[in-house]
Amino acid sequence: MKKVSLETEFARYEERMRLRNQLEEVFKETDYDNRIEEIQKILLKKNSRKIIYLEALKTFGKKDGLEIYRRMRNLDAVSMEIS
């Protein structure tokens, strides 16, 4: 059985909440503000910018996926070098 550190889990929780707050700010009063959870799932995969871009297109279609990606790439989670 895997041991879980409370500090590690709390840090993950805080990171997810920080990302969610950023997404809510970026997408408020847009057509996508009710799809924050789907957008967050894409970002949490953290594969690469290319994967995030392709996943956004696949999930939201060409027009909406491109608009969502343009907004996402300015966030800290995407602008960092993603491994």
Foldseek 3Di string as FASTA:
>chain_A
DDDDDPVVVVVVVVVLVVQLVLLCVLCPPHPCNVVSVVLSVLLVVLDALVSSLVSLCVVPNDPRSVVSSVSVCPDPSNVPGGD
